[in-house]
PDB file of N, CA and C in Angstrom:
ATOM      1  N   MET A   1      28.178 250.539-312.846  1.00  0.00           N
ATOM      2  CA  MET A   1      27.881 250.898-311.921  1.00  0.00           C
ATOM      3  C   MET A   1      29.878 250.792-311.386  1.00  0.00           C
ATOM      4  N   ALA A   2      30.533 249.801-311.542  1.00  0.00           N
ATOM      5  CA  ALA A   2      31.983 250.245-311.972  1.00  0.00           C
ATOM      6  C   ALA A   2      32.354 250.880-312.226  1.00  0.00           C
ATOM      7  N   ILE A   3      32.082 251.110-313.764  1.00  0.00           N
ATOM      8  CA  ILE A   3      33.110 252.059-314.469  1.00  0.00           C
ATOM      9  C   ILE A   3      32.874 253.773-313.462  1.00  0.00           C
ATOM     10  N   ASP A   4      31.734 253.814-312.957  1.00  0.00           N
ATOM     11  CA  ASP A   4      31.360 254.892-312.470  1.00  0.00           C
ATOM     12  C   ASP A   4      32.183 255.452-311.312  1.00  0.00           C
ATOM     13  N   LYS A   5      32.937 254.277-310.494  1.00  0.00           N
ATOM     14  CA  LYS A   5      33.919 254.182-309.352  1.00  0.00           C
ATOM     15  C   LYS A   5      35.111 254.340-309.760  1.00  0.00           C
ATOM     16  N   LEU A   6      35.416 254.214-310.646  1.00  0.00           N
ATOM     17  CA  LEU A   6      36.917 254.636-311.564  1.00  0.00           C
ATOM     18  C   LEU A   6      37.704 255.525-311.143  1.00  0.00           C
ATOM     19  N   ASP A   7      38.070 255.841-310.398  1.00  0.00           N
ATOM     20  CA  ASP A   7      38.907 257.087-310.703  1.00  0.00           C
ATOM     21  C   ASP A   7      40.066 257.112-311.748  1.00  0.00           C
ATOM     22  N   VAL A   8      40.724 256.722-312.079  1.00  0.00           N
ATOM     23  CA  VAL A   8      41.072 256.571-313.770  1.00  0.00           C
ATOM     24  C   VAL A   8      39.938 255.913-314.530  1.00  0.00           C
ATOM     25  N   LYS A   9      39.846 256.603-315.773  1.00  0.00           N
ATOM     26  CA  LYS A   9      38.997 255.658-316.656  1.00  0.00           C
ATOM     27  C   LYS A   9      40.006 255.030-317.462  1.00  0.00           C
ATOM     28  N   PRO A  10      39.731 253.998-318.320  1.00  0.00           N
ATOM     29  CA  PRO A  10      40.605 253.451-319.115  1.00  0.00           C
ATOM     30  C   PRO A  10      40.128 253.806-320.133  1.00  0.00           C
ATOM     31  N   ASP A  11      41.257 253.431-320.887  1.00  0.00           N
ATOM     32  CA  ASP A  11      41.198 253.915-322.807  1.00  0.00           C
ATOM     33  C   ASP A  11      39.997 252.574-323.774  1.00  0.00           C
ATOM     34  N   VAL A  12      40.358 250.874-322.549  1.00  0.00           N
ATOM     35  CA  VAL A  12      39.261 249.863-323.218  1.00  0.00           C
ATOM     36  C   VAL A  12      39.624 249.723-321.901  1.00  0.00           C
ATOM     37  N   ILE A  13      37.902 248.741-322.619  1.00  0.00           N
ATOM     38  CA  ILE A  13      37.045 247.790-321.386  1.00  0.00           C
ATOM     39  C   ILE A  13      37.585 246.348-322.064  1.00  0.00           C
ATOM     40  N   LEU A  14      37.648 245.169-321.629  1.00  0.00           N
ATOM     41  CA  LEU A  14      37.596 244.378-322.017  1.00  0.00           C
ATOM     42  C   LEU A  14      37.191 243.192-321.585  1.00  0.00           C
ATOM     43  N   VAL A  15      35.967 242.534-322.158  1.00  0.00           N
ATOM     44  CA  VAL A  15      35.086 241.810-321.386  1.00  0.00           C
ATOM     45  C   VAL A  15      34.990 240.491-322.107  1.00  0.00           C
ATOM     46  N   ASP A  16      34.061 239.365-320.645  1.00  0.00           N
ATOM     47  CA  ASP A  16      34.072 238.578-321.160  1.00  0.00           C
ATOM     48  C   ASP A  16      33.175 237.917-322.063  1.00  0.00           C
ATOM     49  N   ALA A  17      33.110 238.646-323.021  1.00  0.00           N
ATOM     50  CA  ALA A  17      31.679 237.524-324.258  1.00  0.00           C
ATOM     51  C   ALA A  17      31.043 238.549-323.819  1.00  0.00           C
ATOM     52  N   LEU A  18      30.804 239.685-323.709  1.00  0.00           N
ATOM     53  CA  LEU A  18      29.456 240.009-324.047  1.00  0.00           C
ATOM     54  C   LEU A  18      29.099 240.411-325.207  1.00  0.00           C
ATOM     55  N   ASP A  19      27.668 241.380-325.568  1.00  0.00           N
ATOM     56  CA  ASP A  19      27.361 241.274-326.694  1.00  0.00           C
ATOM     57  C   ASP A  19      27.744 243.001-327.086  1.00  0.00           C
ATOM     58  N   LYS A  20      26.959 243.864-326.162  1.00  0.00           N
ATOM     59  CA  LYS A  20      26.343 244.855-325.739  1.00  0.00           C
ATOM     60  C   LYS A  20      26.437 245.303-324.149  1.00  0.00           C
ATOM     61  N   ILE A  21      26.878 246.736-324.130  1.00  0.00           N
ATOM     62  CA  ILE A  21      27.195 246.634-322.629  1.00  0.00           C
ATOM     63  C   ILE A  21      27.393 248.673-322.846  1.00  0.00           C
ATOM     64  N   ASP A  22      27.129 249.184-321.800  1.00  0.00           N
ATOM     65  CA  ASP A  22      26.865 250.765-321.466  1.00  0.00           C
ATOM     66  C   ASP A  22      28.004 250.696-320.925  1.00  0.00           C
ATOM     67  N   THR A  23      29.430 251.295-321.237  1.00  0.00           N
ATOM     68  CA  THR A  23      30.383 251.572-320.817  1.00  0.00           C
ATOM     69  C   THR A  23      30.640 253.211-320.436  1.00  0.00           C
ATOM     70  N   HIS A  24      29.638 253.781-320.891  1.00  0.00           N
ATOM     71  CA  HIS A  24      30.209 255.681-320.742  1.00  0.00           C
ATOM     72  C   HIS A  24      30.822 255.194-322.076  1.00  0.00           C
ATOM     73  N   GLU A  25      30.889 255.291-323.375  1.00  0.00           N
ATOM     74  CA  GLU A  25      31.443 255.384-324.020  1.00  0.00           C
ATOM     75  C   GLU A  25      33.268 255.063-323.821  1.00  0.00           C
ATOM     76  N   ILE A  26      33.324 254.361-323.436  1.00  0.00           N
ATOM     77  CA  ILE A  26      34.199 254.268-323.162  1.00  0.00           C
ATOM     78  C   ILE A  26      34.756 252.550-323.829  1.00  0.00           C
ATOM     79  N   PRO A  27      35.682 252.775-325.166  1.00  0.00           N
ATOM     80  CA  PRO A  27      35.551 251.309-325.789  1.00  0.00           C
ATOM     81  C   PRO A  27      35.627 250.262-324.936  1.00  0.00           C
ATOM     82  N   TYR A  28      35.617 249.058-326.233  1.00  0.00           N
ATOM     83  CA  TYR A  28      35.519 247.983-324.966  1.00  0.00           C
ATOM     84  C   TYR A  28      35.549 247.328-326.010  1.00  0.00           C
ATOM     85  N   ILE A  29      35.572 246.094-325.228  1.00  0.00           N
ATOM     86  CA  ILE A  29      35.973 244.285-326.906  1.00  0.00           C
ATOM     87  C   ILE A  29      35.698 243.700-325.682  1.00  0.00           C
ATOM     88  N   SER A  30      34.977 242.361-326.743  1.00  0.00           N
ATOM     89  CA  SER A  30      34.117 241.344-326.116  1.00  0.00           C
ATOM     90  C   SER A  30      34.831 240.093-326.617  1.00  0.00           C
ATOM     91  N   VAL A  31      35.691 239.858-325.461  1.00  0.00           N
ATOM     92  CA  VAL A  31      36.056 238.293-325.852  1.00  0.00           C
ATOM     93  C   VAL A  31      35.706 236.962-325.655  1.00  0.00           C
ATOM     94  N   ILE A  32      35.460 236.462-326.292  1.00  0.00           N
ATOM     95  CA  ILE A  32      35.321 235.009-326.135  1.00  0.00           C
ATOM     96  C   ILE A  32      35.746 233.716-325.660  1.00  0.00           C
ATOM     97  N   LYS A  33      35.519 233.446-324.278  1.00  0.00           N
ATOM     98  CA  LYS A  33      36.331 233.017-323.484  1.00  0.00           C
ATOM     99  C   LYS A  33      37.795 233.756-322.335  1.00  0.00           C
ATOM    100  N   GLY A  34      37.390 234.964-322.251  1.00  0.00           N
ATOM    101  CA  GLY A  34      38.032 235.832-322.386  1.00  0.00           C
ATOM    102  C   GLY A  34      38.467 235.837-320.744  1.00  0.00           C
ATOM    103  N   ASP A  35      38.150 235.208-319.876  1.00  0.00           N
ATOM    104  CA  ASP A  35      38.847 234.521-318.904  1.00  0.00           C
ATOM    105  C   ASP A  35      39.573 233.611-319.038  1.00  0.00           C
ATOM    106  N   ALA A  36      40.462 232.758-319.979  1.00  0.00           N
ATOM    107  CA  ALA A  36      41.028 231.687-321.086  1.00  0.00           C
ATOM    108  C   ALA A  36      41.912 232.365-321.370  1.00  0.00           C
ATOM    109  N   LYS A  37      41.599 233.519-322.233  1.00  0.00           N
ATOM    110  CA  LYS A  37      43.003 233.945-322.603  1.00  0.00           C
ATOM    111  C   LYS A  37      43.577 235.015-322.406  1.00  0.00           C
ATOM    112  N   ILE A  38      42.857 236.241-321.535  1.00  0.00           N
ATOM    113  CA  ILE A  38      43.240 237.338-321.202  1.00  0.00           C
ATOM    114  C   ILE A  38      43.777 237.065-319.377  1.00  0.00           C
ATOM    115  N   TYR A  39      44.694 237.880-319.382  1.00  0.00           N
ATOM    116  CA  TYR A  39      44.703 237.417-317.622  1.00  0.00           C
ATOM    117  C   TYR A  39      44.141 238.067-316.540  1.00  0.00           C
ATOM    118  N   SER A  40      44.268 239.803-317.087  1.00  0.00           N
ATOM    119  CA  SER A  40      43.551 240.387-316.561  1.00  0.00           C
ATOM    120  C   SER A  40      41.942 240.119-316.261  1.00  0.00           C
ATOM    121  N   ILE A  41      41.366 239.623-317.278  1.00  0.00           N
ATOM    122  CA  ILE A  41      40.041 239.558-317.385  1.00  0.00           C
ATOM    123  C   ILE A  41      39.630 237.624-316.665  1.00  0.00           C
ATOM    124  N   SER A  42      40.996 236.665-316.084  1.00  0.00           N
ATOM    125  CA  SER A  42      40.936 235.700-315.231  1.00  0.00           C
ATOM    126  C   SER A  42      40.781 236.361-313.667  1.00  0.00           C
ATOM    127  N   ALA A  43      41.973 237.312-313.892  1.00  0.00           N
ATOM    128  CA  ALA A  43      41.573 237.222-312.200  1.00  0.00           C
ATOM    129  C   ALA A  43      40.585 238.661-311.491  1.00  0.00           C
ATOM    130  N   ALA A  44      40.179 239.217-313.040  1.00  0.00           N
ATOM    131  CA  ALA A  44      38.470 239.835-312.874  1.00  0.00           C
ATOM    132  C   ALA A  44      37.342 238.717-312.128  1.00  0.00           C
ATOM    133  N   SER A  45      37.671 237.760-313.079  1.00  0.00           N
ATOM    134  CA  SER A  45      36.755 236.362-312.997  1.00  0.00           C
ATOM    135  C   SER A  45      36.785 235.812-311.480  1.00  0.00           C
ATOM    136  N   ILE A  46      37.861 235.604-310.770  1.00  0.00           N
ATOM    137  CA  ILE A  46      38.418 234.630-309.501  1.00  0.00           C
ATOM    138  C   ILE A  46      37.999 235.530-308.424  1.00  0.00           C
ATOM    139  N   ILE A  47      38.405 237.631-308.483  1.00  0.00           N
ATOM    140  CA  ILE A  47      38.068 238.264-307.634  1.00  0.00           C
ATOM    141  C   ILE A  47      36.415 238.061-307.424  1.00  0.00           C
ATOM    142  N   ALA A  48      35.236 238.228-308.798  1.00  0.00           N
ATOM    143  CA  ALA A  48      33.894 238.845-308.850  1.00  0.00           C
ATOM    144  C   ALA A  48      33.395 236.843-308.215  1.00  0.00           C
ATOM    145  N   LYS A  49      33.912 235.500-308.100  1.00  0.00           N
ATOM    146  CA  LYS A  49      33.788 234.714-307.438  1.00  0.00           C
ATOM    147  C   LYS A  49      33.817 234.549-305.824  1.00  0.00           C
ATOM    148  N   VAL A  50      35.166 235.016-305.672  1.00  0.00           N
ATOM    149  CA  VAL A  50      35.313 234.789-304.567  1.00  0.00           C
ATOM    150  C   VAL A  50      34.486 235.823-303.817  1.00  0.00           C
ATOM    151  N   THR A  51      33.774 237.396-304.043  1.00  0.00           N
ATOM    152  CA  THR A  51      33.180 238.209-303.543  1.00  0.00           C
ATOM    153  C   THR A  51      32.062 237.530-303.394  1.00  0.00           C
ATOM    154  N   ARG A  52      31.342 237.231-304.467  1.00  0.00           N
ATOM    155  CA  ARG A  52      30.551 236.671-304.585  1.00  0.00           C
ATOM    156  C   ARG A  52      29.606 235.987-303.603  1.00  0.00           C
ATOM    157  N   ASP A  53      30.841 234.393-303.438  1.00  0.00           N
ATOM    158  CA  ASP A  53      30.813 233.525-302.527  1.00  0.00           C
ATOM    159  C   ASP A  53      30.350 234.005-301.467  1.00  0.00           C
ATOM    160  N   ARG A  54      31.575 235.364-300.737  1.00  0.00           N
ATOM    161  CA  ARG A  54      31.269 235.742-299.357  1.00  0.00           C
ATOM    162  C   ARG A  54      30.067 236.469-299.374  1.00  0.00           C
ATOM    163  N   ILE A  55      30.013 237.651-300.127  1.00  0.00           N
ATOM    164  CA  ILE A  55      28.127 237.665-300.084  1.00  0.00           C
ATOM    165  C   ILE A  55      26.730 236.901-299.718  1.00  0.00           C
ATOM    166  N   MET A  56      27.391 235.469-300.604  1.00  0.00           N
ATOM    167  CA  MET A  56      25.907 234.393-300.287  1.00  0.00           C
ATOM    168  C   MET A  56      26.109 233.895-298.486  1.00  0.00           C
ATOM    169  N   ARG A  57      27.362 233.874-298.408  1.00  0.00           N
ATOM    170  CA  ARG A  57      28.146 233.388-297.083  1.00  0.00           C
ATOM    171  C   ARG A  57      27.267 234.173-296.148  1.00  0.00           C
ATOM    172  N   GLU A  58      27.231 235.818-296.358  1.00  0.00           N
ATOM    173  CA  GLU A  58      26.889 236.424-295.482  1.00  0.00           C
ATOM    174  C   GLU A  58      24.868 236.971-295.499  1.00  0.00           C
ATOM    175  N   TYR A  59      23.974 236.383-297.266  1.00  0.00           N
ATOM    176  CA  TYR A  59      22.702 236.025-296.920  1.00  0.00           C
ATOM    177  C   TYR A  59      22.720 234.699-296.419  1.00  0.00           C
ATOM    178  N   ASP A  60      23.645 234.110-296.346  1.00  0.00           N
ATOM    179  CA  ASP A  60      22.746 232.598-295.669  1.00  0.00           C
ATOM    180  C   ASP A  60      21.994 233.100-294.168  1.00  0.00           C
ATOM    181  N   GLU A  61      23.085 233.895-293.436  1.00  0.00           N
ATOM    182  CA  GLU A  61      22.365 234.237-292.198  1.00  0.00           C
ATOM    183  C   GLU A  61      21.151 235.064-292.466  1.00  0.00           C
ATOM    184  N   VAL A  62      21.053 235.485-293.156  1.00  0.00           N
ATOM    185  CA  VAL A  62      19.360 235.918-293.554  1.00  0.00           C
ATOM    186  C   VAL A  62      18.631 235.341-293.726  1.00  0.00           C
ATOM    187  N   TYR A  63      18.945 234.725-294.616  1.00  0.00           N
ATOM    188  CA  TYR A  63      17.874 233.703-295.362  1.00  0.00           C
ATOM    189  C   TYR A  63      18.725 232.450-295.289  1.00  0.00           C
ATOM    190  N   PRO A  64      18.681 231.212-293.736  1.00  0.00           N
ATOM    191  CA  PRO A  64      19.736 230.600-293.675  1.00  0.00           C
ATOM    192  C   PRO A  64      18.414 229.397-294.246  1.00  0.00           C
ATOM    193  N   GLN A  65      17.262 229.177-294.268  1.00  0.00           N
ATOM    194  CA  GLN A  65      16.089 228.216-295.274  1.00  0.00           C
ATOM    195  C   GLN A  65      16.693 228.384-295.887  1.00  0.00           C
ATOM    196  N   TYR A  66      17.524 229.659-296.787  1.00  0.00           N
ATOM    197  CA  TYR A  66      18.146 228.714-298.335  1.00  0.00           C
ATOM    198  C   TYR A  66      19.177 227.831-298.518  1.00  0.00           C
ATOM    199  N   GLY A  67      19.797 227.885-297.731  1.00  0.00           N
ATOM    200  CA  GLY A  67      21.450 226.736-297.693  1.00  0.00           C
ATOM    201  C   GLY A  67      22.683 227.900-298.588  1.00  0.00           C
ATOM    202  N   PHE A  68      22.109 229.123-298.638  1.00  0.00           N
ATOM    203  CA  PHE A  68      22.825 229.817-299.217  1.00  0.00           C
ATOM    204  C   PHE A  68      24.493 229.374-299.326  1.00  0.00           C
ATOM    205  N   ALA A  69      24.911 229.556-297.605  1.00  0.00           N
ATOM    206  CA  ALA A  69      26.526 228.828-297.740  1.00  0.00           C
ATOM    207  C   ALA A  69      26.694 228.136-298.419  1.00  0.00           C
ATOM    208  N   GLY A  70      26.067 226.858-299.011  1.00  0.00           N
ATOM    209  CA  GLY A  70      26.985 225.955-299.154  1.00  0.00           C
ATOM    210  C   GLY A  70      27.118 226.174-300.762  1.00  0.00           C
ATOM    211  N   HIS A  71      25.643 226.336-301.178  1.00  0.00           N
ATOM    212  CA  HIS A  71      25.932 226.470-302.498  1.00  0.00           C
ATOM    213  C   HIS A  71      25.995 227.976-303.663  1.00  0.00           C
ATOM    214  N   LYS A  72      26.069 228.799-302.571  1.00  0.00           N
ATOM    215  CA  LYS A  72      26.130 230.015-303.312  1.00  0.00           C
ATOM    216  C   LYS A  72      25.197 230.798-304.125  1.00  0.00           C
ATOM    217  N   GLY A  73      23.973 229.838-303.656  1.00  0.00           N
ATOM    218  CA  GLY A  73      23.037 230.448-304.875  1.00  0.00           C
ATOM    219  C   GLY A  73      22.708 229.859-305.948  1.00  0.00           C
ATOM    220  N   TYR A  74      23.416 229.097-306.478  1.00  0.00           N
ATOM    221  CA  TYR A  74      23.800 227.938-307.289  1.00  0.00           C
ATOM    222  C   TYR A  74      22.282 226.964-307.225  1.00  0.00           C
ATOM    223  N   GLY A  75      21.597 227.045-308.700  1.00  0.00           N
ATOM    224  CA  GLY A  75      20.531 226.479-308.620  1.00  0.00           C
ATOM    225  C   GLY A  75      20.728 224.691-308.462  1.00  0.00           C
ATOM    226  N   THR A  76      21.128 224.276-307.420  1.00  0.00           N
ATOM    227  CA  THR A  76      21.458 222.378-306.792  1.00  0.00           C
ATOM    228  C   THR A  76      20.247 222.196-305.756  1.00  0.00           C
ATOM    229  N   ALA A  77      19.641 220.836-306.084  1.00  0.00           N
ATOM    230  CA  ALA A  77      18.352 220.253-306.140  1.00  0.00           C
ATOM    231  C   ALA A  77      18.338 220.788-304.680  1.00  0.00           C
ATOM    232  N   LYS A  78      18.654 220.967-303.737  1.00  0.00           N
ATOM    233  CA  LYS A  78      18.505 221.294-301.993  1.00  0.00           C
ATOM    234  C   LYS A  78      18.214 223.233-302.490  1.00  0.00           C
ATOM    235  N   HIS A  79      18.815 223.768-303.322  1.00  0.00           N
ATOM    236  CA  HIS A  79      18.900 224.757-303.290  1.00  0.00           C
ATOM    237  C   HIS A  79      17.103 225.288-303.823  1.00  0.00           C
ATOM    238  N   ILE A  80      16.368 224.310-305.204  1.00  0.00           N
ATOM    239  CA  ILE A  80      15.477 224.302-305.735  1.00  0.00           C
ATOM    240  C   ILE A  80      14.257 223.755-304.661  1.00  0.00           C
ATOM    241  N   GLN A  81      14.466 222.682-303.463  1.00  0.00           N
ATOM    242  CA  GLN A  81      13.775 222.394-303.444  1.00  0.00           C
ATOM    243  C   GLN A  81      13.270 223.378-301.580  1.00  0.00           C
ATOM    244  N   ALA A  82      14.652 224.124-301.400  1.00  0.00           N
ATOM    245  CA  ALA A  82      14.353 225.088-300.589  1.00  0.00           C
ATOM    246  C   ALA A  82      12.603 226.256-301.352  1.00  0.00           C
ATOM    247  N   ILE A  83      13.009 226.582-302.178  1.00  0.00           N
ATOM    248  CA  ILE A  83      12.706 227.374-303.232  1.00  0.00           C
ATOM    249  C   ILE A  83      11.169 226.839-303.294  1.00  0.00           C
ATOM    250  N   ARG A  84      10.744 225.737-303.416  1.00  0.00           N
ATOM    251  CA  ARG A  84       9.580 225.238-303.535  1.00  0.00           C
ATOM    252  C   ARG A  84       9.532 225.216-302.035  1.00  0.00           C
ATOM    253  N   GLU A  85      10.090 225.119-300.902  1.00  0.00           N
ATOM    254  CA  GLU A  85       9.251 224.906-299.577  1.00  0.00           C
ATOM    255  C   GLU A  85       8.347 226.353-298.739  1.00  0.00           C
ATOM    256  N   TYR A  86       9.842 226.958-299.360  1.00  0.00           N
ATOM    257  CA  TYR A  86       9.869 228.529-298.703  1.00  0.00           C
ATOM    258  C   TYR A  86       8.764 229.637-299.790  1.00  0.00           C
ATOM    259  N   GLY A  87       9.651 228.968-301.277  1.00  0.00           N
ATOM    260  CA  GLY A  87       8.807 230.102-301.842  1.00  0.00           C
ATOM    261  C   GLY A  87      10.247 231.547-302.171  1.00  0.00           C
ATOM    262  N   ILE A  88      10.268 232.288-302.922  1.00  0.00           N
ATOM    263  CA  ILE A  88      11.632 232.607-303.317  1.00  0.00           C
ATOM    264  C   ILE A  88      11.409 233.825-302.143  1.00  0.00           C
ATOM    265  N   CYS A  89      12.911 234.641-301.723  1.00  0.00           N
ATOM    266  CA  CYS A  89      13.252 235.969-300.972  1.00  0.00           C
ATOM    267  C   CYS A  89      13.511 237.058-302.097  1.00  0.00           C
ATOM    268  N   PRO A  90      14.200 237.846-301.769  1.00  0.00           N
ATOM    269  CA  PRO A  90      14.162 239.600-302.447  1.00  0.00           C
ATOM    270  C   PRO A  90      15.786 238.800-303.682  1.00  0.00           C
ATOM    271  N   LEU A  91      15.965 237.981-303.112  1.00  0.00           N
ATOM    272  CA  LEU A  91      17.996 237.677-304.199  1.00  0.00           C
ATOM    273  C   LEU A  91      17.842 236.686-305.258  1.00  0.00           C
ATOM    274  N   HIS A  92      16.106 235.684-304.865  1.00  0.00           N
ATOM    275  CA  HIS A  92      16.541 235.589-306.482  1.00  0.00           C
ATOM    276  C   HIS A  92      15.646 235.717-307.542  1.00  0.00           C
ATOM    277  N   ARG A  93      16.348 235.719-308.782  1.00  0.00           N
ATOM    278  CA  ARG A  93      15.960 236.089-309.659  1.00  0.00           C
ATOM    279  C   ARG A  93      15.003 235.756-310.718  1.00  0.00           C
ATOM    280  N   LYS A  94      13.825 236.181-310.536  1.00  0.00           N
ATOM    281  CA  LYS A  94      12.643 235.973-311.777  1.00  0.00           C
ATOM    282  C   LYS A  94      13.036 235.136-312.056  1.00  0.00           C
ATOM    283  N   SER A  95      14.216 235.002-313.881  1.00  0.00           N
ATOM    284  CA  SER A  95      14.330 234.749-314.721  1.00  0.00           C
ATOM    285  C   SER A  95      15.164 233.089-314.243  1.00  0.00           C
ATOM    286  N   PHE A  96      15.426 232.620-313.136  1.00  0.00           N
ATOM    287  CA  PHE A  96      16.172 231.388-312.824  1.00  0.00           C
ATOM    288  C   PHE A  96      15.048 230.654-311.857  1.00  0.00           C
ATOM    289  N   THR A  97      13.848 231.208-311.566  1.00  0.00           N
ATOM    290  CA  THR A  97      13.047 230.624-310.755  1.00  0.00           C
ATOM    291  C   THR A  97      11.565 230.281-310.930  1.00  0.00           C
ATOM    292  N   LYS A  98      11.508 230.796-312.496  1.00  0.00           N
ATOM    293  CA  LYS A  98      10.356 230.520-313.202  1.00  0.00           C
ATOM    294  C   LYS A  98      10.507 229.406-313.626  1.00  0.00           C
ATOM    295  N   ASN A  99      11.517 228.374-313.872  1.00  0.00           N
ATOM    296  CA  ASN A  99      11.601 227.398-314.232  1.00  0.00           C
ATOM    297  C   ASN A  99      11.119 226.070-313.365  1.00  0.00           C
ATOM    298  N   PHE A 100      11.131 226.426-311.921  1.00  0.00           N
ATOM    299  CA  PHE A 100      10.046 225.355-311.283  1.00  0.00           C
ATOM    300  C   PHE A 100       9.106 226.085-309.654  1.00  0.00           C
ATOM    301  N   VAL A 101       8.924 227.325-310.280  1.00  0.00           N
ATOM    302  CA  VAL A 101       8.026 228.067-309.324  1.00  0.00           C
ATOM    303  C   VAL A 101       6.748 228.462-310.048  1.00  0.00           C
ATOM    304  N   ASN A 102       5.651 228.318-309.165  1.00  0.00           N
ATOM    305  CA  ASN A 102       4.260 228.270-310.177  1.00  0.00           C
ATOM    306  C   ASN A 102       4.185 230.842-309.708  1.00  0.00           C
TER     307      ASN A 102
END
């Protein structure tokens, strides 16, 4: 989706250690630990983290019982306990919750 929204298409895409992705025929280079080696990947990682944290704080207002503002969706003991108590919500990835929810 991000590639589709670009006004200027890049000559190459740098990716932080993914094997195969659909880059819409734009060449890409997968860099293991790219966020520690390449400034643009580092910057993108920071922007993604800050954006995700903001979104999770907003979701905390919709689903306050899960405490998203505190743990930002990571698998903390409090988050797992909330899932066990309230079940999963549409935000939860089934691949994440399958380890502790029936």
